[in-house]
Amino acid sequence: MTETVLDASALLAAINQEPGSGEVARAIDRASISAVNLAEVLSKLVDKGISPDEAWSGLVATEIKVVPFDAGMAHRVAALRPLTRAVGLSLGDRACLALGMATKATVLTADRAWKSLGLDLSIRVIR
């Protein structure tokens, strides 16, 4: 089975049962997410009125592997900045891409702009 890295947008699509959620659901048993992207997802859920503890409990119960954001990942994220600035990718977006590059995993996102980056990385746009 190929490992998959989830962008916050992909996990939120699954949580909110938006278009593309089926593709995320099929990958969840082999998925990982950067701790940075997990923080994004938790923050969005809190913005919707879900308590931080409830949001945390719901996500911890999934099979998604949370990958710590360390100094090596910070370096990778910084290296992606010049390549992604023109399309406006955030730190979280770059954290996801960096994890995908480090693990050579397919990245799932809802952000179509990622396909235009020309990175040596498998990126699947879920909708």
N, C-alpha and C. Protein backbone atom coordinates (compact mmCIF):
# COMPACT_ATOMS: atom_id res chain seq x y z
N MET A 1 0.82 -1.19 0.00
CA MET A 1 0.00 0.00 0.00
C MET A 1 0.86 1.25 0.00
N THR A 2 0.52 2.20 -0.83
CA THR A 2 1.24 3.45 -0.90
C THR A 2 0.82 4.36 0.23
N GLU A 3 1.81 4.95 0.89
CA GLU A 3 1.50 5.90 1.96
C GLU A 3 0.95 7.18 1.34
N THR A 4 0.10 7.83 2.10
CA THR A 4 -0.52 9.08 1.67
C THR A 4 -0.30 10.14 2.74
N VAL A 5 0.00 11.36 2.31
CA VAL A 5 0.09 12.51 3.21
C VAL A 5 -1.13 13.38 2.95
N LEU A 6 -1.81 13.75 4.02
CA LEU A 6 -3.01 14.58 3.91
C LEU A 6 -2.68 16.04 4.16
N ASP A 7 -3.16 16.89 3.28
CA ASP A 7 -3.15 18.32 3.53
C ASP A 7 -4.35 18.62 4.44
N ALA A 8 -4.29 19.72 5.15
CA ALA A 8 -5.41 20.10 6.00
C ALA A 8 -6.70 20.19 5.19
N SER A 9 -6.61 20.71 3.97
CA SER A 9 -7.81 20.85 3.14
C SER A 9 -8.45 19.51 2.82
N ALA A 10 -7.64 18.48 2.64
CA ALA A 10 -8.17 17.15 2.35
C ALA A 10 -8.85 16.56 3.58
N LEU A 11 -8.22 16.66 4.73
CA LEU A 11 -8.81 16.12 5.95
C LEU A 11 -10.10 16.88 6.30
N LEU A 12 -10.10 18.18 6.12
CA LEU A 12 -11.31 18.96 6.38
C LEU A 12 -12.43 18.58 5.41
N ALA A 13 -12.10 18.29 4.16
CA ALA A 13 -13.11 17.83 3.20
C ALA A 13 -13.74 16.53 3.68
N ALA A 14 -12.93 15.64 4.23
CA ALA A 14 -13.46 14.37 4.73
C ALA A 14 -14.34 14.60 5.96
N ILE A 15 -13.87 15.42 6.88
CA ILE A 15 -14.63 15.70 8.11
C ILE A 15 -15.97 16.35 7.78
N ASN A 16 -15.96 17.27 6.83
CA ASN A 16 -17.16 18.01 6.47
C ASN A 16 -17.99 17.33 5.38
N GLN A 17 -17.58 16.15 4.96
CA GLN A 17 -18.26 15.38 3.91
C GLN A 17 -18.48 16.21 2.65
N GLU A 18 -17.40 16.87 2.24
CA GLU A 18 -17.42 17.70 1.04
C GLU A 18 -16.99 16.85 -0.16
N PRO A 19 -17.13 17.38 -1.38
CA PRO A 19 -16.63 16.64 -2.54
C PRO A 19 -15.16 16.25 -2.35
N GLY A 20 -14.84 15.03 -2.72
CA GLY A 20 -13.49 14.50 -2.56
C GLY A 20 -13.30 13.73 -1.27
N SER A 21 -14.29 13.77 -0.38
CA SER A 21 -14.15 13.09 0.91
C SER A 21 -13.99 11.58 0.76
N GLY A 22 -14.58 11.01 -0.27
CA GLY A 22 -14.46 9.57 -0.50
C GLY A 22 -13.03 9.15 -0.77
N GLU A 23 -12.32 9.94 -1.54
CA GLU A 23 -10.93 9.63 -1.83
C GLU A 23 -10.08 9.68 -0.55
N VAL A 24 -10.35 10.64 0.28
CA VAL A 24 -9.63 10.75 1.56
C VAL A 24 -9.97 9.54 2.43
N ALA A 25 -11.24 9.18 2.51
CA ALA A 25 -11.66 8.05 3.33
C ALA A 25 -10.97 6.76 2.90
N ARG A 26 -10.79 6.58 1.59
CA ARG A 26 -10.13 5.36 1.08
C ARG A 26 -8.64 5.32 1.44
N ALA A 27 -8.05 6.47 1.71
CA ALA A 27 -6.61 6.54 2.01
C ALA A 27 -6.31 6.62 3.51
N ILE A 28 -7.33 6.77 4.32
CA ILE A 28 -7.13 7.11 5.74
C ILE A 28 -6.31 6.06 6.49
N ASP A 29 -6.43 4.79 6.12
CA ASP A 29 -5.72 3.73 6.85
C ASP A 29 -4.22 3.72 6.58
N ARG A 30 -3.77 4.48 5.61
CA ARG A 30 -2.34 4.56 5.30
C ARG A 30 -1.87 6.02 5.24
N ALA A 31 -2.61 6.88 5.94
CA ALA A 31 -2.35 8.31 5.85
C ALA A 31 -1.52 8.83 7.02
N SER A 32 -0.77 9.89 6.70
CA SER A 32 -0.06 10.64 7.73
C SER A 32 -0.35 12.12 7.49
N ILE A 33 -0.10 12.90 8.52
CA ILE A 33 -0.31 14.34 8.44
C ILE A 33 0.75 15.02 9.29
N SER A 34 1.25 16.14 8.82
CA SER A 34 2.20 16.93 9.60
C SER A 34 1.48 17.49 10.82
N ALA A 35 2.19 17.60 11.92
CA ALA A 35 1.63 18.21 13.13
C ALA A 35 1.15 19.64 12.83
N VAL A 36 1.82 20.31 11.89
CA VAL A 36 1.41 21.67 11.50
C VAL A 36 0.02 21.63 10.86
N ASN A 37 -0.20 20.68 9.96
CA ASN A 37 -1.50 20.57 9.31
C ASN A 37 -2.58 20.09 10.26
N LEU A 38 -2.21 19.25 11.21
CA LEU A 38 -3.17 18.84 12.24
C LEU A 38 -3.61 20.06 13.05
N ALA A 39 -2.67 20.94 13.37
CA ALA A 39 -3.01 22.16 14.10
C ALA A 39 -3.99 23.02 13.28
N GLU A 40 -3.80 23.07 11.97
CA GLU A 40 -4.72 23.81 11.10
C GLU A 40 -6.13 23.23 11.18
N VAL A 41 -6.22 21.91 11.09
CA VAL A 41 -7.51 21.24 11.12
C VAL A 41 -8.20 21.48 12.47
N LEU A 42 -7.46 21.27 13.54
CA LEU A 42 -8.03 21.50 14.88
C LEU A 42 -8.52 22.94 15.03
N SER A 43 -7.73 23.89 14.54
CA SER A 43 -8.11 25.30 14.63
C SER A 43 -9.39 25.59 13.86
N LYS A 44 -9.53 25.01 12.68
CA LYS A 44 -10.75 25.21 11.88
C LYS A 44 -11.97 24.63 12.60
N LEU A 45 -11.78 23.47 13.23
CA LEU A 45 -12.89 22.87 13.97
C LEU A 45 -13.29 23.72 15.17
N VAL A 46 -12.30 24.27 15.86
CA VAL A 46 -12.58 25.17 16.98
C VAL A 46 -13.30 26.42 16.48
N ASP A 47 -12.90 26.94 15.31
CA ASP A 47 -13.58 28.10 14.72
C ASP A 47 -15.06 27.80 14.47
N LYS A 48 -15.40 26.53 14.21
CA LYS A 48 -16.79 26.15 13.96
C LYS A 48 -17.56 25.89 15.25
N GLY A 49 -16.91 26.09 16.39
CA GLY A 49 -17.60 25.94 17.66
C GLY A 49 -17.39 24.62 18.37
N ILE A 50 -16.55 23.77 17.83
CA ILE A 50 -16.23 22.51 18.48
C ILE A 50 -15.17 22.78 19.54
N SER A 51 -15.32 22.19 20.70
CA SER A 51 -14.33 22.44 21.75
C SER A 51 -12.99 21.83 21.34
N PRO A 52 -11.89 22.44 21.77
CA PRO A 52 -10.57 21.87 21.43
C PRO A 52 -10.44 20.41 21.85
N ASP A 53 -10.97 20.05 23.02
CA ASP A 53 -10.87 18.67 23.49
C ASP A 53 -11.67 17.71 22.62
N GLU A 54 -12.86 18.13 22.22
CA GLU A 54 -13.69 17.29 21.36
C GLU A 54 -13.04 17.11 19.99
N ALA A 55 -12.52 18.19 19.44
CA ALA A 55 -11.84 18.11 18.13
C ALA A 55 -10.65 17.17 18.23
N TRP A 56 -9.87 17.33 19.29
CA TRP A 56 -8.69 16.49 19.51
C TRP A 56 -9.09 15.02 19.62
N SER A 57 -10.09 14.73 20.44
CA SER A 57 -10.53 13.35 20.64
C SER A 57 -10.98 12.70 19.34
N GLY A 58 -11.70 13.46 18.54
CA GLY A 58 -12.18 12.92 17.27
C GLY A 58 -11.06 12.59 16.31
N LEU A 59 -10.04 13.43 16.27
CA LEU A 59 -8.94 13.20 15.34
C LEU A 59 -7.97 12.14 15.84
N VAL A 60 -7.77 12.07 17.13
CA VAL A 60 -6.87 11.07 17.70
C VAL A 60 -7.44 9.66 17.49
N ALA A 61 -8.76 9.57 17.42
CA ALA A 61 -9.41 8.27 17.23
C ALA A 61 -9.22 7.71 15.81
N THR A 62 -8.79 8.54 14.88
CA THR A 62 -8.57 8.06 13.51
C THR A 62 -7.25 7.30 13.44
N GLU A 63 -7.01 6.68 12.29
CA GLU A 63 -5.78 5.93 12.09
C GLU A 63 -4.67 6.78 11.49
N ILE A 64 -4.84 8.07 11.44
CA ILE A 64 -3.88 8.96 10.80
C ILE A 64 -2.64 9.09 11.69
N LYS A 65 -1.48 8.88 11.07
CA LYS A 65 -0.21 9.04 11.79
C LYS A 65 0.17 10.52 11.78
N VAL A 66 0.42 11.08 12.96
CA VAL A 66 0.83 12.48 13.06
C VAL A 66 2.35 12.53 13.11
N VAL A 67 2.93 13.27 12.17
CA VAL A 67 4.39 13.36 12.06
C VAL A 67 4.85 14.67 12.68
N PRO A 68 5.76 14.60 13.65
CA PRO A 68 6.24 15.83 14.31
C PRO A 68 6.92 16.77 13.31
N PHE A 69 6.82 18.04 13.60
CA PHE A 69 7.49 19.07 12.80
C PHE A 69 8.79 19.42 13.52
N ASP A 70 9.89 19.02 12.92
CA ASP A 70 11.19 19.21 13.56
C ASP A 70 12.07 20.15 12.73
N ALA A 71 13.32 20.28 13.13
CA ALA A 71 14.24 21.20 12.45
C ALA A 71 14.47 20.82 10.99
N GLY A 72 14.55 19.53 10.72
CA GLY A 72 14.73 19.08 9.34
C GLY A 72 13.54 19.47 8.47
N MET A 73 12.34 19.32 9.02
CA MET A 73 11.15 19.71 8.27
C MET A 73 11.12 21.23 8.08
N ALA A 74 11.55 21.98 9.09
CA ALA A 74 11.61 23.43 8.97
C ALA A 74 12.52 23.84 7.81
N HIS A 75 13.63 23.15 7.67
CA HIS A 75 14.56 23.44 6.57
C HIS A 75 13.91 23.14 5.22
N ARG A 76 13.20 22.01 5.12
CA ARG A 76 12.52 21.66 3.87
C ARG A 76 11.45 22.70 3.53
N VAL A 77 10.71 23.13 4.53
CA VAL A 77 9.66 24.13 4.32
C VAL A 77 10.26 25.43 3.80
N ALA A 78 11.37 25.84 4.39
CA ALA A 78 12.03 27.07 3.94
C ALA A 78 12.54 26.93 2.51
N ALA A 79 13.06 25.75 2.16
CA ALA A 79 13.56 25.52 0.80
C ALA A 79 12.44 25.59 -0.23
N LEU A 80 11.23 25.27 0.17
CA LEU A 80 10.09 25.33 -0.76
C LEU A 80 9.57 26.75 -0.97
N ARG A 81 9.93 27.68 -0.11
CA ARG A 81 9.40 29.03 -0.19
C ARG A 81 9.59 29.70 -1.55
N PRO A 82 10.81 29.70 -2.11
CA PRO A 82 10.98 30.37 -3.41
C PRO A 82 10.16 29.72 -4.54
N LEU A 83 9.95 28.41 -4.43
CA LEU A 83 9.21 27.69 -5.47
C LEU A 83 7.71 27.88 -5.38
N THR A 84 7.22 28.28 -4.20
CA THR A 84 5.78 28.31 -3.97
C THR A 84 5.22 29.70 -3.69
N ARG A 85 6.09 30.67 -3.54
CA ARG A 85 5.65 32.03 -3.19
C ARG A 85 4.69 32.59 -4.23
N ALA A 86 4.96 32.37 -5.51
CA ALA A 86 4.14 32.95 -6.58
C ALA A 86 2.70 32.47 -6.55
N VAL A 87 2.46 31.26 -6.04
CA VAL A 87 1.09 30.75 -5.98
C VAL A 87 0.50 30.89 -4.58
N GLY A 88 1.22 31.56 -3.68
CA GLY A 88 0.70 31.91 -2.38
C GLY A 88 0.55 30.79 -1.37
N LEU A 89 1.41 29.79 -1.44
CA LEU A 89 1.30 28.69 -0.49
C LEU A 89 1.71 29.13 0.91
N SER A 90 0.95 28.68 1.89
CA SER A 90 1.20 29.02 3.28
C SER A 90 2.27 28.11 3.87
N LEU A 91 2.66 28.41 5.10
CA LEU A 91 3.59 27.55 5.83
C LEU A 91 2.99 26.14 5.96
N GLY A 92 1.70 26.06 6.26
CA GLY A 92 1.03 24.77 6.38
C GLY A 92 1.06 23.99 5.08
N ASP A 93 0.81 24.67 3.97
CA ASP A 93 0.87 24.02 2.66
C ASP A 93 2.26 23.44 2.41
N ARG A 94 3.27 24.24 2.73
CA ARG A 94 4.64 23.79 2.50
C ARG A 94 5.03 22.68 3.47
N ALA A 95 4.48 22.68 4.67
CA ALA A 95 4.74 21.59 5.62
C ALA A 95 4.20 20.27 5.06
N CYS A 96 3.04 20.33 4.46
CA CYS A 96 2.46 19.14 3.84
C CYS A 96 3.32 18.65 2.68
N LEU A 97 3.69 19.56 1.81
CA LEU A 97 4.53 19.19 0.66
C LEU A 97 5.88 18.63 1.12
N ALA A 98 6.47 19.26 2.12
CA ALA A 98 7.76 18.80 2.64
C ALA A 98 7.65 17.38 3.19
N LEU A 99 6.56 17.09 3.89
CA LEU A 99 6.37 15.73 4.41
C LEU A 99 6.20 14.74 3.27
N GLY A 100 5.46 15.12 2.25
CA GLY A 100 5.30 14.25 1.09
C GLY A 100 6.63 13.98 0.41
N MET A 101 7.45 15.00 0.29
CA MET A 101 8.77 14.84 -0.34
C MET A 101 9.68 13.96 0.52
N ALA A 102 9.64 14.16 1.83
CA ALA A 102 10.50 13.40 2.73
C ALA A 102 10.14 11.92 2.75
N THR A 103 8.85 11.63 2.63
CA THR A 103 8.39 10.24 2.71
C THR A 103 8.15 9.61 1.34
N LYS A 104 8.26 10.42 0.29
CA LYS A 104 7.99 9.97 -1.08
C LYS A 104 6.57 9.41 -1.20
N ALA A 105 5.67 10.02 -0.46
CA ALA A 105 4.27 9.60 -0.44
C ALA A 105 3.44 10.48 -1.37
N THR A 106 2.28 9.97 -1.76
CA THR A 106 1.33 10.75 -2.52
C THR A 106 0.65 11.74 -1.58
N VAL A 107 0.52 12.98 -2.03
CA VAL A 107 -0.10 14.03 -1.23
C VAL A 107 -1.52 14.26 -1.75
N LEU A 108 -2.48 14.26 -0.82
CA LEU A 108 -3.87 14.59 -1.16
C LEU A 108 -4.18 16.00 -0.69
N THR A 109 -4.73 16.80 -1.58
CA THR A 109 -5.09 18.18 -1.27
C THR A 109 -6.33 18.57 -2.05
N ALA A 110 -6.98 19.63 -1.61
CA ALA A 110 -8.08 20.23 -2.36
C ALA A 110 -7.60 21.46 -3.12
N ASP A 111 -6.34 21.79 -3.00
CA ASP A 111 -5.77 23.01 -3.59
C ASP A 111 -5.20 22.72 -4.98
N ARG A 112 -5.91 23.13 -6.00
CA ARG A 112 -5.52 22.86 -7.40
C ARG A 112 -4.19 23.51 -7.80
N ALA A 113 -3.84 24.61 -7.15
CA ALA A 113 -2.61 25.33 -7.51
C ALA A 113 -1.37 24.47 -7.31
N TRP A 114 -1.44 23.48 -6.44
CA TRP A 114 -0.27 22.64 -6.17
C TRP A 114 0.19 21.89 -7.40
N LYS A 115 -0.72 21.55 -8.30
CA LYS A 115 -0.36 20.79 -9.50
C LYS A 115 0.53 21.62 -10.43
N SER A 116 0.48 22.93 -10.33
CA SER A 116 1.25 23.80 -11.22
C SER A 116 2.69 24.01 -10.74
N LEU A 117 3.04 23.44 -9.61
CA LEU A 117 4.36 23.69 -9.02
C LEU A 117 5.50 22.96 -9.72
N GLY A 118 5.20 21.88 -10.39
CA GLY A 118 6.25 21.13 -11.08
C GLY A 118 7.21 20.42 -10.15
N LEU A 119 6.75 20.05 -8.97
CA LEU A 119 7.60 19.33 -8.02
C LEU A 119 7.69 17.86 -8.38
N ASP A 120 8.78 17.24 -8.02
CA ASP A 120 8.95 15.80 -8.22
C ASP A 120 8.24 15.08 -7.08
N LEU A 121 6.93 15.07 -7.17
CA LEU A 121 6.09 14.59 -6.08
C LEU A 121 4.73 14.23 -6.66
N SER A 122 4.15 13.15 -6.18
CA SER A 122 2.80 12.76 -6.59
C SER A 122 1.79 13.56 -5.79
N ILE A 123 1.04 14.42 -6.49
CA ILE A 123 0.02 15.25 -5.85
C ILE A 123 -1.32 14.89 -6.49
N ARG A 124 -2.30 14.53 -5.66
CA ARG A 124 -3.64 14.25 -6.16
C ARG A 124 -4.59 15.30 -5.58
N VAL A 125 -5.25 16.00 -6.48
CA VAL A 125 -6.26 16.98 -6.10
C VAL A 125 -7.58 16.23 -5.98
N ILE A 126 -8.22 16.33 -4.83
CA ILE A 126 -9.39 15.50 -4.55
C ILE A 126 -10.68 15.99 -5.17
N ARG A 127 -10.70 17.22 -5.67
CA ARG A 127 -11.91 17.71 -6.33
C ARG A 127 -11.58 18.70 -7.42
